[in-house]
C-alpha cells in the first residue's frame, strides 16, 4: 500500500502531510465539516506506508488522512486511537509538539 507524503518547511518548522494514495484530490464532507485532500498540500512523493512511517516517527508536526496511514500510526504508537477524527468515515489526525 502506498501513500503520498509532502514536507512543508516554514520558519525552520517542518510539517509532514500524508494521505492514502486513493484519497488524493478528493473532498469529503459531513455536516458542516469538510476536508479537501488536494495535491498542493498532500501531493508529494508516492511512498510505501513503511517509508512514510520512518519520516513520521521523526516529525514534530504532521497531518495524516486515510485508513492505511492512520492505522499504521496507531499501531506504532505515533498517536492514540482516540486522537483520530473521522469525516464521512475517512480518518484523519494531526500531531503538534510544542
N, C-alpha and C. Protein backbone atom coordinates (compact mmCIF):
# COMPACT_ATOMS: atom_id res chain seq x y z
N UNK A 1 0.83 -1.18 0.00
CA UNK A 1 0.00 0.00 0.00
C UNK A 1 0.87 1.24 0.00
N UNK A 2 0.42 2.26 -0.67
CA UNK A 2 1.20 3.48 -0.89
C UNK A 2 0.47 4.69 -0.32
N UNK A 3 1.27 5.71 -0.01
CA UNK A 3 0.75 6.98 0.48
C UNK A 3 1.52 8.12 -0.18
N UNK A 4 0.86 9.27 -0.28
CA UNK A 4 1.55 10.47 -0.72
C UNK A 4 2.06 11.19 0.51
N UNK A 5 3.28 11.72 0.43
CA UNK A 5 3.88 12.43 1.55
C UNK A 5 4.59 13.67 1.03
N UNK A 6 4.33 14.78 1.69
CA UNK A 6 4.96 16.04 1.32
C UNK A 6 5.39 16.76 2.60
N UNK A 7 6.60 17.29 2.59
CA UNK A 7 7.11 18.02 3.74
C UNK A 7 7.07 19.52 3.42
N UNK A 8 6.40 20.25 4.30
CA UNK A 8 6.30 21.71 4.17
C UNK A 8 7.25 22.34 5.18
N UNK A 9 8.14 23.22 4.73
CA UNK A 9 9.09 23.88 5.62
C UNK A 9 8.76 25.37 5.70
N UNK A 10 8.63 25.85 6.94
CA UNK A 10 8.37 27.28 7.15
C UNK A 10 8.99 27.70 8.48
N UNK A 11 9.83 28.70 8.43
CA UNK A 11 10.49 29.21 9.63
C UNK A 11 11.15 28.10 10.44
N UNK A 12 11.90 27.24 9.78
CA UNK A 12 12.62 26.14 10.42
C UNK A 12 11.70 25.10 11.07
N UNK A 13 10.44 25.09 10.70
CA UNK A 13 9.50 24.10 11.21
C UNK A 13 9.01 23.26 10.04
N UNK A 14 9.14 21.95 10.18
CA UNK A 14 8.65 21.03 9.15
C UNK A 14 7.30 20.46 9.55
N UNK A 15 6.36 20.49 8.63
CA UNK A 15 5.08 19.83 8.81
C UNK A 15 4.96 18.78 7.72
N UNK A 16 4.69 17.55 8.12
CA UNK A 16 4.57 16.45 7.17
C UNK A 16 3.09 16.22 6.88
N UNK A 17 2.73 16.26 5.62
CA UNK A 17 1.37 15.97 5.17
C UNK A 17 1.40 14.62 4.46
N UNK A 18 0.48 13.74 4.83
CA UNK A 18 0.49 12.39 4.27
C UNK A 18 -0.94 11.88 4.13
N UNK A 19 -1.23 11.26 2.99
CA UNK A 19 -2.56 10.70 2.78
C UNK A 19 -2.46 9.39 2.01
N UNK A 20 -3.45 8.53 2.21
CA UNK A 20 -3.53 7.29 1.44
C UNK A 20 -3.61 7.63 -0.05
N UNK A 21 -3.00 6.80 -0.85
CA UNK A 21 -2.89 7.04 -2.29
C UNK A 21 -4.24 7.32 -2.96
N UNK A 22 -5.27 6.59 -2.59
CA UNK A 22 -6.57 6.71 -3.26
C UNK A 22 -7.37 7.94 -2.85
N UNK A 23 -6.86 8.73 -1.89
CA UNK A 23 -7.62 9.89 -1.40
C UNK A 23 -7.19 11.21 -2.02
N UNK A 24 -6.05 11.23 -2.71
CA UNK A 24 -5.53 12.49 -3.24
C UNK A 24 -6.53 13.11 -4.22
N UNK A 25 -6.71 14.41 -4.07
CA UNK A 25 -7.61 15.23 -4.91
C UNK A 25 -9.08 14.86 -4.74
N UNK A 26 -9.43 14.44 -3.52
CA UNK A 26 -10.84 14.17 -3.21
C UNK A 26 -11.29 15.10 -2.08
N UNK A 27 -12.59 15.31 -1.99
CA UNK A 27 -13.18 16.16 -0.96
C UNK A 27 -14.22 15.34 -0.23
N UNK A 28 -14.20 15.45 1.12
CA UNK A 28 -15.17 14.75 1.94
C UNK A 28 -15.86 15.75 2.85
N UNK A 29 -17.17 15.60 2.98
CA UNK A 29 -17.94 16.48 3.85
C UNK A 29 -18.86 15.64 4.74
N UNK A 30 -19.13 16.19 5.90
CA UNK A 30 -20.08 15.58 6.82
C UNK A 30 -20.63 16.70 7.69
N UNK A 31 -21.91 17.01 7.50
CA UNK A 31 -22.48 18.15 8.20
C UNK A 31 -21.74 19.42 7.80
N UNK A 32 -21.25 20.16 8.80
CA UNK A 32 -20.51 21.38 8.48
C UNK A 32 -19.00 21.15 8.42
N UNK A 33 -18.56 19.89 8.48
CA UNK A 33 -17.14 19.55 8.38
C UNK A 33 -16.78 19.24 6.93
N UNK A 34 -15.59 19.65 6.55
CA UNK A 34 -15.14 19.42 5.17
C UNK A 34 -13.63 19.25 5.18
N UNK A 35 -13.14 18.28 4.43
CA UNK A 35 -11.71 18.13 4.23
C UNK A 35 -11.44 17.96 2.74
N UNK A 36 -10.53 18.78 2.26
CA UNK A 36 -10.11 18.72 0.85
C UNK A 36 -8.68 18.19 0.84
N UNK A 37 -8.49 17.05 0.25
CA UNK A 37 -7.19 16.39 0.22
C UNK A 37 -6.54 16.73 -1.12
N UNK A 38 -6.05 17.96 -1.21
CA UNK A 38 -5.55 18.43 -2.51
C UNK A 38 -4.06 18.16 -2.69
N UNK A 39 -3.65 18.16 -3.94
CA UNK A 39 -2.27 17.84 -4.27
C UNK A 39 -1.30 18.94 -3.86
N UNK A 40 -1.77 20.17 -3.69
CA UNK A 40 -0.88 21.23 -3.24
C UNK A 40 -0.34 20.95 -1.84
N UNK A 41 -1.17 20.40 -0.98
CA UNK A 41 -0.75 20.14 0.40
C UNK A 41 -0.24 18.72 0.59
N UNK A 42 -0.93 17.75 0.05
CA UNK A 42 -0.59 16.34 0.29
C UNK A 42 0.21 15.69 -0.83
N UNK A 43 0.17 16.23 -2.02
CA UNK A 43 0.71 15.55 -3.19
C UNK A 43 2.21 15.66 -3.36
N UNK A 44 2.93 14.93 -2.59
CA UNK A 44 4.38 14.88 -2.72
C UNK A 44 4.81 13.57 -3.34
N UNK A 45 5.75 12.91 -2.69
CA UNK A 45 6.25 11.62 -3.17
C UNK A 45 5.26 10.50 -2.86
N UNK A 46 5.19 9.54 -3.75
CA UNK A 46 4.41 8.33 -3.52
C UNK A 46 5.35 7.31 -2.88
N UNK A 47 5.07 6.96 -1.63
CA UNK A 47 5.94 6.08 -0.84
C UNK A 47 5.15 4.90 -0.29
N UNK A 48 5.86 3.88 0.15
CA UNK A 48 5.21 2.81 0.90
C UNK A 48 4.84 3.35 2.28
N UNK A 49 3.87 2.74 2.92
CA UNK A 49 3.48 3.16 4.27
C UNK A 49 4.67 3.05 5.22
N UNK A 50 5.48 2.02 5.05
CA UNK A 50 6.64 1.84 5.91
C UNK A 50 7.65 2.98 5.75
N UNK A 51 7.89 3.42 4.51
CA UNK A 51 8.79 4.55 4.28
C UNK A 51 8.23 5.82 4.93
N UNK A 52 6.94 6.02 4.78
CA UNK A 52 6.30 7.20 5.37
C UNK A 52 6.40 7.17 6.90
N UNK A 53 6.26 5.99 7.49
CA UNK A 53 6.35 5.89 8.95
C UNK A 53 7.71 6.30 9.47
N UNK A 54 8.76 5.99 8.74
CA UNK A 54 10.10 6.39 9.17
C UNK A 54 10.22 7.91 9.23
N UNK A 55 9.58 8.60 8.31
CA UNK A 55 9.59 10.06 8.30
C UNK A 55 8.68 10.61 9.40
N UNK A 56 7.49 10.02 9.54
CA UNK A 56 6.54 10.49 10.55
C UNK A 56 7.06 10.28 11.97
N UNK A 57 7.84 9.24 12.20
CA UNK A 57 8.41 8.99 13.53
C UNK A 57 9.26 10.16 14.01
N UNK A 58 9.90 10.84 13.09
CA UNK A 58 10.79 11.94 13.43
C UNK A 58 10.10 13.31 13.40
N UNK A 59 8.87 13.35 12.94
CA UNK A 59 8.17 14.63 12.74
C UNK A 59 7.58 15.17 14.04
N UNK A 60 7.77 16.46 14.26
CA UNK A 60 7.13 17.14 15.39
C UNK A 60 5.71 17.54 15.04
N UNK A 61 5.47 17.75 13.74
CA UNK A 61 4.16 18.15 13.26
C UNK A 61 3.78 17.28 12.07
N UNK A 62 2.58 16.71 12.10
CA UNK A 62 2.10 16.03 10.91
C UNK A 62 0.60 16.11 10.81
N UNK A 63 0.13 15.91 9.58
CA UNK A 63 -1.29 15.89 9.25
C UNK A 63 -1.48 14.68 8.35
N UNK A 64 -2.22 13.68 8.83
CA UNK A 64 -2.38 12.45 8.06
C UNK A 64 -3.86 12.16 7.83
N UNK A 65 -4.16 11.57 6.66
CA UNK A 65 -5.54 11.26 6.29
C UNK A 65 -5.58 9.90 5.61
N UNK A 66 -6.50 9.05 6.05
CA UNK A 66 -6.71 7.76 5.41
C UNK A 66 -6.58 6.60 6.39
N UNK A 67 -7.28 5.52 6.07
CA UNK A 67 -7.29 4.35 6.94
C UNK A 67 -5.91 3.71 7.07
N UNK A 68 -5.20 3.56 5.96
CA UNK A 68 -3.90 2.88 6.00
C UNK A 68 -2.90 3.63 6.85
N UNK A 69 -2.75 4.92 6.61
CA UNK A 69 -1.74 5.69 7.32
C UNK A 69 -2.11 5.90 8.78
N UNK A 70 -3.37 6.14 9.09
CA UNK A 70 -3.73 6.35 10.50
C UNK A 70 -3.65 5.03 11.29
N UNK A 71 -4.08 3.92 10.70
CA UNK A 71 -3.97 2.64 11.40
C UNK A 71 -2.52 2.28 11.70
N UNK A 72 -1.63 2.54 10.75
CA UNK A 72 -0.21 2.24 10.96
C UNK A 72 0.37 3.16 12.04
N UNK A 73 -0.01 4.42 12.03
CA UNK A 73 0.48 5.37 13.05
C UNK A 73 0.00 4.97 14.44
N UNK A 74 -1.23 4.47 14.55
CA UNK A 74 -1.74 3.98 15.83
C UNK A 74 -0.98 2.73 16.25
N UNK A 75 -0.77 1.81 15.32
CA UNK A 75 -0.06 0.55 15.63
C UNK A 75 1.36 0.82 16.12
N UNK A 76 2.00 1.86 15.60
CA UNK A 76 3.36 2.20 16.01
C UNK A 76 3.39 3.21 17.16
N UNK A 77 2.21 3.50 17.71
CA UNK A 77 2.05 4.40 18.84
C UNK A 77 2.55 5.82 18.57
N UNK A 78 2.37 6.27 17.32
CA UNK A 78 2.67 7.66 17.00
C UNK A 78 1.53 8.58 17.40
N UNK A 79 0.35 7.99 17.58
CA UNK A 79 -0.80 8.73 18.06
C UNK A 79 -1.78 7.75 18.68
N UNK A 80 -2.59 8.24 19.64
CA UNK A 80 -3.59 7.36 20.26
C UNK A 80 -4.80 7.18 19.35
N UNK A 81 -5.47 6.06 19.51
CA UNK A 81 -6.66 5.79 18.70
C UNK A 81 -7.72 6.88 18.87
N UNK A 82 -7.85 7.40 20.09
CA UNK A 82 -8.85 8.44 20.31
C UNK A 82 -8.41 9.81 19.78
N UNK A 83 -7.23 9.88 19.19
CA UNK A 83 -6.76 11.11 18.56
C UNK A 83 -7.14 11.21 17.10
N UNK A 84 -7.90 10.23 16.62
CA UNK A 84 -8.30 10.20 15.21
C UNK A 84 -9.73 10.70 15.08
N UNK A 85 -9.95 11.61 14.17
CA UNK A 85 -11.28 12.14 13.87
C UNK A 85 -11.69 11.60 12.51
N UNK A 86 -12.98 11.36 12.31
CA UNK A 86 -13.46 10.89 11.01
C UNK A 86 -14.42 11.90 10.41
N UNK A 87 -14.25 12.10 9.12
CA UNK A 87 -15.18 12.90 8.33
C UNK A 87 -15.67 12.00 7.21
N UNK A 88 -16.96 11.70 7.23
CA UNK A 88 -17.56 10.81 6.24
C UNK A 88 -16.79 9.48 6.17
N UNK A 89 -16.48 8.95 7.34
CA UNK A 89 -15.78 7.66 7.53
C UNK A 89 -14.31 7.68 7.12
N UNK A 90 -13.77 8.84 6.80
CA UNK A 90 -12.35 8.95 6.44
C UNK A 90 -11.59 9.43 7.68
N UNK A 91 -10.68 8.60 8.21
CA UNK A 91 -9.95 9.01 9.41
C UNK A 91 -8.86 10.02 9.10
N UNK A 92 -8.66 10.94 10.06
CA UNK A 92 -7.62 11.94 9.93
C UNK A 92 -7.09 12.27 11.31
N UNK A 93 -5.83 12.69 11.37
CA UNK A 93 -5.23 13.05 12.65
C UNK A 93 -4.12 14.07 12.43
N UNK A 94 -3.85 14.83 13.48
CA UNK A 94 -2.78 15.81 13.46
C UNK A 94 -1.91 15.62 14.70
N UNK A 95 -0.64 15.93 14.55
CA UNK A 95 0.29 15.91 15.68
C UNK A 95 1.00 17.25 15.71
N UNK A 96 1.02 17.87 16.89
CA UNK A 96 1.75 19.12 17.08
C UNK A 96 2.50 19.03 18.40
N UNK A 97 3.79 19.24 18.34
CA UNK A 97 4.62 19.23 19.55
C UNK A 97 5.07 20.65 19.83
N UNK A 98 4.85 21.08 21.07
CA UNK A 98 5.26 22.44 21.46
C UNK A 98 6.38 22.37 22.47
